[in-house]
C-alpha atoms as a PDB file:
ATOM      1  CA  MET A   1       0.244  -0.108  -0.140  1.00  0.00           C
ATOM      2  CA  THR A   2       1.209   3.821  -0.739  1.00  0.00           C
ATOM      3  CA  PRO A   3       1.423   6.522   1.865  1.00  0.00           C
ATOM      4  CA  ASN A   4      -1.428   9.150   1.219  1.00  0.00           C
ATOM      5  CA  PRO A   5       0.554  12.192  -0.834  1.00  0.00           C
ATOM      6  CA  TYR A   6      -1.814  14.226   0.921  1.00  0.00           C
ATOM      7  CA  ALA A   7      -2.322  13.094   3.522  1.00  0.00           C
ATOM      8  CA  PRO A   8      -0.681  15.940   7.166  1.00  0.00           C
ATOM      9  CA  PRO A   9       3.013  15.014   8.186  1.00  0.00           C
ATOM     10  CA  LYS A  10       3.094  13.130  10.926  1.00  0.00           C
ATOM     11  CA  ALA A  11       4.931  14.844  14.032  1.00  0.00           C
ATOM     12  CA  GLU A  12       7.829  13.294  15.483  1.00  0.00           C
ATOM     13  CA  VAL A  13       7.335  14.934  18.747  1.00  0.00           C
ATOM     14  CA  ALA A  14       8.453  14.361  21.476  1.00  0.00           C
ATOM     15  CA  ASP A  15       5.487  15.997  23.609  1.00  0.00           C
ATOM     16  CA  VAL A  16       2.297  14.534  24.205  1.00  0.00           C
ATOM     17  CA  VAL A  17      -1.753  16.219  24.718  1.00  0.00           C
ATOM     18  CA  ARG A  18      -2.928  15.701  27.763  1.00  0.00           C
ATOM     19  CA  GLY A  19      -5.060  12.337  27.703  1.00  0.00           C
ATOM     20  CA  GLU A  20      -3.236  10.421  25.586  1.00  0.00           C
ATOM     21  CA  VAL A  21      -2.004   7.118  26.420  1.00  0.00           C
ATOM     22  CA  ALA A  22       1.108   7.480  28.601  1.00  0.00           C
ATOM     23  CA  PRO A  23       4.030   4.985  28.469  1.00  0.00           C
ATOM     24  CA  ALA A  24       4.717   2.739  31.455  1.00  0.00           C
ATOM     25  CA  LEU A  25       6.866   4.327  34.511  1.00  0.00           C
ATOM     26  CA  TRP A  26       8.583   5.033  37.495  1.00  0.00           C
ATOM     27  CA  ASN A  27       6.283   6.955  39.794  1.00  0.00           C
ATOM     28  CA  ALA A  28       9.297  10.139  39.550  1.00  0.00           C
ATOM     29  CA  ASN A  29       8.748  10.954  43.135  1.00  0.00           C
ATOM     30  CA  ALA A  30       8.619   8.028  44.382  1.00  0.00           C
ATOM     31  CA  ALA A  31      12.251   7.987  43.271  1.00  0.00           C
ATOM     32  CA  ALA A  32      13.065  10.661  44.469  1.00  0.00           C
ATOM     33  CA  ALA A  33      12.623   8.960  48.152  1.00  0.00           C
ATOM     34  CA  TRP A  34      13.835   6.206  47.775  1.00  0.00           C
ATOM     35  CA  SER A  35      17.425   8.722  46.832  1.00  0.00           C
ATOM     36  CA  LEU A  36      17.385   9.481  50.011  1.00  0.00           C
ATOM     37  CA  LEU A  37      18.398   5.493  51.753  1.00  0.00           C
ATOM     38  CA  PHE A  38      19.842   4.207  47.840  1.00  0.00           C
ATOM     39  CA  SER A  39      21.753   8.043  47.107  1.00  0.00           C
ATOM     40  CA  PRO A  40      20.999  10.484  44.789  1.00  0.00           C
ATOM     41  CA  ALA A  41      22.448   8.015  41.644  1.00  0.00           C
ATOM     42  CA  PHE A  42      19.044   5.522  41.787  1.00  0.00           C
ATOM     43  CA  GLY A  43      16.599   8.882  41.422  1.00  0.00           C
ATOM     44  CA  ALA A  44      18.770   9.929  38.821  1.00  0.00           C
ATOM     45  CA  PHE A  45      19.174   6.071  36.743  1.00  0.00           C
ATOM     46  CA  VAL A  46      15.471   5.410  37.517  1.00  0.00           C
ATOM     47  CA  HIS A  47      14.433   9.091  35.930  1.00  0.00           C
ATOM     48  CA  MET A  48      16.676   8.102  32.718  1.00  0.00           C
ATOM     49  CA  LYS A  49      14.435   5.414  32.169  1.00  0.00           C
ATOM     50  CA  ASN A  50      11.544   6.838  32.404  1.00  0.00           C
ATOM     51  CA  TRP A  51      12.902  10.376  29.726  1.00  0.00           C
ATOM     52  CA  GLN A  52      13.962   7.005  27.856  1.00  0.00           C
ATOM     53  CA  ALA A  53      10.031   6.276  28.373  1.00  0.00           C
ATOM     54  CA  LEU A  54       8.951   9.553  27.308  1.00  0.00           C
ATOM     55  CA  GLY A  55      11.337   9.894  24.464  1.00  0.00           C
ATOM     56  CA  ASP A  56      13.470  13.063  24.855  1.00  0.00           C
ATOM     57  CA  PRO A  57      16.818  11.165  25.006  1.00  0.00           C
ATOM     58  CA  THR A  58      19.078  14.815  25.462  1.00  0.00           C
ATOM     59  CA  ARG A  59      16.773  14.717  29.280  1.00  0.00           C
ATOM     60  CA  ALA A  60      18.003  11.342  29.170  1.00  0.00           C
ATOM     61  CA  ALA A  61      21.478  12.056  28.863  1.00  0.00           C
ATOM     62  CA  ALA A  62      21.811  14.615  31.176  1.00  0.00           C
ATOM     63  CA  ALA A  63      19.579  11.936  34.426  1.00  0.00           C
ATOM     64  CA  LYS A  64      22.785   9.588  33.382  1.00  0.00           C
ATOM     65  CA  THR A  65      25.600  12.479  34.424  1.00  0.00           C
ATOM     66  CA  TRP A  66      23.484  13.259  37.325  1.00  0.00           C
ATOM     67  CA  GLY A  67      23.349   8.714  38.603  1.00  0.00           C
ATOM     68  CA  ILE A  68      27.064   9.069  37.347  1.00  0.00           C
ATOM     69  CA  TRP A  69      28.512  12.050  38.797  1.00  0.00           C
ATOM     70  CA  THR A  70      26.683  11.049  42.122  1.00  0.00           C
ATOM     71  CA  LEU A  71      28.379   7.990  42.110  1.00  0.00           C
ATOM     72  CA  VAL A  72      31.269   9.104  41.895  1.00  0.00           C
ATOM     73  CA  ALA A  73      30.455  11.056  44.662  1.00  0.00           C
ATOM     74  CA  LEU A  74      29.862   8.284  46.371  1.00  0.00           C
ATOM     75  CA  GLY A  75      32.726   6.938  46.647  1.00  0.00           C
ATOM     76  CA  MET A  76      35.003   9.568  47.438  1.00  0.00           C
ATOM     77  CA  VAL A  77      32.944  10.091  50.344  1.00  0.00           C
ATOM     78  CA  SER A  78      33.815   6.309  51.183  1.00  0.00           C
ATOM     79  CA  LEU A  79      37.452   5.598  49.578  1.00  0.00           C
ATOM     80  CA  ALA A  80      37.651   8.723  52.397  1.00  0.00           C
ATOM     81  CA  SER A  81      36.286   7.022  55.060  1.00  0.00           C
ATOM     82  CA  ALA A  82      37.599   3.542  54.318  1.00  0.00           C
ATOM     83  CA  LEU A  83      41.358   5.435  54.819  1.00  0.00           C
ATOM     84  CA  LEU A  84      41.413   8.351  56.372  1.00  0.00           C
ATOM     85  CA  PRO A  85      41.105   8.024  60.450  1.00  0.00           C
ATOM     86  CA  ASP A  86      38.192   7.784  62.086  1.00  0.00           C
ATOM     87  CA  SER A  87      36.383  11.133  62.508  1.00  0.00           C
ATOM     88  CA  LYS A  88      33.329  12.276  62.944  1.00  0.00           C
ATOM     89  CA  GLY A  89      33.965  15.404  60.987  1.00  0.00           C
ATOM     90  CA  LEU A  90      34.309  13.726  58.026  1.00  0.00           C
ATOM     91  CA  ASP A  91      31.619  11.361  58.508  1.00  0.00           C
ATOM     92  CA  ALA A  92      29.340  14.688  59.072  1.00  0.00           C
ATOM     93  CA  LEU A  93      30.984  15.946  55.542  1.00  0.00           C
ATOM     94  CA  SER A  94      29.643  13.359  53.677  1.00  0.00           C
ATOM     95  CA  ARG A  95      26.664  13.027  55.229  1.00  0.00           C
ATOM     96  CA  VAL A  96      26.393  17.203  54.430  1.00  0.00           C
ATOM     97  CA  VAL A  97      27.815  15.747  50.703  1.00  0.00           C
ATOM     98  CA  MET A  98      25.300  13.640  49.330  1.00  0.00           C
ATOM     99  CA  LEU A  99      22.096  15.437  50.884  1.00  0.00           C
ATOM    100  CA  ALA A 100      23.300  18.541  48.406  1.00  0.00           C
ATOM    101  CA  LEU A 101      23.756  16.165  45.075  1.00  0.00           C
ATOM    102  CA  LEU A 102      20.153  15.150  46.314  1.00  0.00           C
ATOM    103  CA  LEU A 103      19.298  18.596  47.289  1.00  0.00           C
ATOM    104  CA  SER A 104      20.662  20.072  43.838  1.00  0.00           C
ATOM    105  CA  TRP A 105      20.137  17.146  41.795  1.00  0.00           C
ATOM    106  CA  TYR A 106      16.252  16.706  43.034  1.00  0.00           C
ATOM    107  CA  TYR A 107      15.672  20.959  42.009  1.00  0.00           C
ATOM    108  CA  THR A 108      17.687  21.189  38.941  1.00  0.00           C
ATOM    109  CA  SER A 109      16.626  17.799  37.585  1.00  0.00           C
ATOM    110  CA  GLY A 110      14.271  15.937  39.040  1.00  0.00           C
ATOM    111  CA  ARG A 111      11.872  17.858  39.822  1.00  0.00           C
ATOM    112  CA  ALA A 112      10.939  18.583  36.425  1.00  0.00           C
ATOM    113  CA  GLN A 113      10.709  14.917  35.704  1.00  0.00           C
ATOM    114  CA  VAL A 114       7.438  15.334  38.418  1.00  0.00           C
ATOM    115  CA  ALA A 115       5.889  17.705  36.877  1.00  0.00           C
ATOM    116  CA  LEU A 116       6.276  17.278  33.428  1.00  0.00           C
ATOM    117  CA  ILE A 117       4.790  13.793  34.668  1.00  0.00           C
ATOM    118  CA  LYS A 118       1.834  15.481  36.302  1.00  0.00           C
ATOM    119  CA  GLN A 119       0.776  18.011  33.586  1.00  0.00           C
ATOM    120  CA  ARG A 120       1.107  15.534  30.607  1.00  0.00           C
ATOM    121  CA  PHE A 121      -0.828  12.667  31.973  1.00  0.00           C
ATOM    122  CA  GLY A 122      -1.932  13.719  36.118  1.00  0.00           C
ATOM    123  CA  THR A 123      -1.827  10.016  37.757  1.00  0.00           C
ATOM    124  CA  GLN A 124      -3.187   8.484  35.489  1.00  0.00           C
ATOM    125  CA  TYR A 125      -0.005   6.405  33.500  1.00  0.00           C
ATOM    126  CA  PRO A 126       0.648   3.061  34.191  1.00  0.00           C
ATOM    127  CA  ARG A 127       3.206   2.022  36.730  1.00  0.00           C
ATOM    128  CA  ARG A 128       5.851  -0.301  36.284  1.00  0.00           C
ATOM    129  CA  GLY A 129       7.099  -2.312  39.454  1.00  0.00           C
ATOM    130  CA  TRP A 130       9.685  -0.924  41.994  1.00  0.00           C
ATOM    131  CA  GLY A 131      11.224  -4.975  42.280  1.00  0.00           C
ATOM    132  CA  LYS A 132      14.308  -4.323  39.643  1.00  0.00           C
ATOM    133  CA  PRO A 133      15.369  -1.432  40.659  1.00  0.00           C
ATOM    134  CA  ILE A 134      15.942  -1.572  44.487  1.00  0.00           C
ATOM    135  CA  LEU A 135      17.177  -5.472  44.289  1.00  0.00           C
ATOM    136  CA  ILE A 136      19.804  -3.472  42.550  1.00  0.00           C
ATOM    137  CA  ALA A 137      20.118  -0.596  44.030  1.00  0.00           C
ATOM    138  CA  LEU A 138      20.346  -3.345  47.691  1.00  0.00           C
ATOM    139  CA  GLY A 139      23.089  -5.406  45.739  1.00  0.00           C
ATOM    140  CA  ALA A 140      25.247  -2.534  44.752  1.00  0.00           C
ATOM    141  CA  LEU A 141      24.275  -0.627  48.582  1.00  0.00           C
ATOM    142  CA  VAL A 142      25.824  -4.365  49.518  1.00  0.00           C
ATOM    143  CA  GLY A 143      28.669  -4.603  47.485  1.00  0.00           C
ATOM    144  CA  LEU A 144      29.682  -0.307  48.237  1.00  0.00           C
ATOM    145  CA  ILE A 145      30.254  -2.518  51.450  1.00  0.00           C
ATOM    146  CA  LEU A 146      32.144  -4.833  50.607  1.00  0.00           C
ATOM    147  CA  VAL A 147      33.914  -3.346  48.909  1.00  0.00           C
ATOM    148  CA  ILE A 148      34.971  -0.455  51.632  1.00  0.00           C
ATOM    149  CA  VAL A 149      35.203  -3.358  54.260  1.00  0.00           C
ATOM    150  CA  ALA A 150      38.288  -5.442  52.068  1.00  0.00           C
ATOM    151  CA  ILE A 151      39.018  -0.952  52.101  1.00  0.00           C
ATOM    152  CA  GLY A 152      39.436  -0.859  54.960  1.00  0.00           C
ATOM    153  CA  LEU A 153      41.070  -4.213  55.960  1.00  0.00           C
ATOM    154  CA  ALA A 154      43.609  -4.525  53.943  1.00  0.00           C
ATOM    155  CA  PHE A 155      45.353  -0.591  55.202  1.00  0.00           C
ATOM    156  CA  GLU A 156      44.721  -1.683  58.178  1.00  0.00           C
ATOM    157  CA  GLY A 157      47.054  -5.086  57.526  1.00  0.00           C
ATOM    158  CA  ALA A 158      49.281  -3.414  55.779  1.00  0.00           C
ATOM    159  CA  ALA A 159      49.855  -0.702  57.771  1.00  0.00           C
ATOM    160  CA  GLY A 160      49.924  -3.143  60.997  1.00  0.00           C
ATOM    161  CA  ARG A 161      53.418  -4.399  58.983  1.00  0.00           C
ATOM    162  CA  VAL A 162      54.645  -1.698  59.087  1.00  0.00           C
END
């Protein structure tokens, strides 16, 4: 069948009008809430997958960048905590750094997705389940703890031999 040459062109725009069938998405507010436990990297990666489902690769790439840089910051804070002498100041500083990352991610990136989903779909969109992302986050958290403990034990053993 040949296409109708007199038909209007079809738009290939990611935006949809209110009431259009939405793709399956994770609740953007819930992703931000889970970020309190799992770090802003969790929320950024969940939002990245939502942006991909919404057809916005630019915002998906920005969310991925947030996720990667948050993981880098988390790694640096964790490494510093494992290698430097015990200090309540370092612990407080790491909490402040992670809270600052969470707030800056949410207010510069995360909140935009919450608003967009609310505007486009309201509360009427298919919800994706949280089982898989939370299990992945728990696995990553356990892995991070094991790596920190291993580094701490390795340096403690090396310091004892000197």
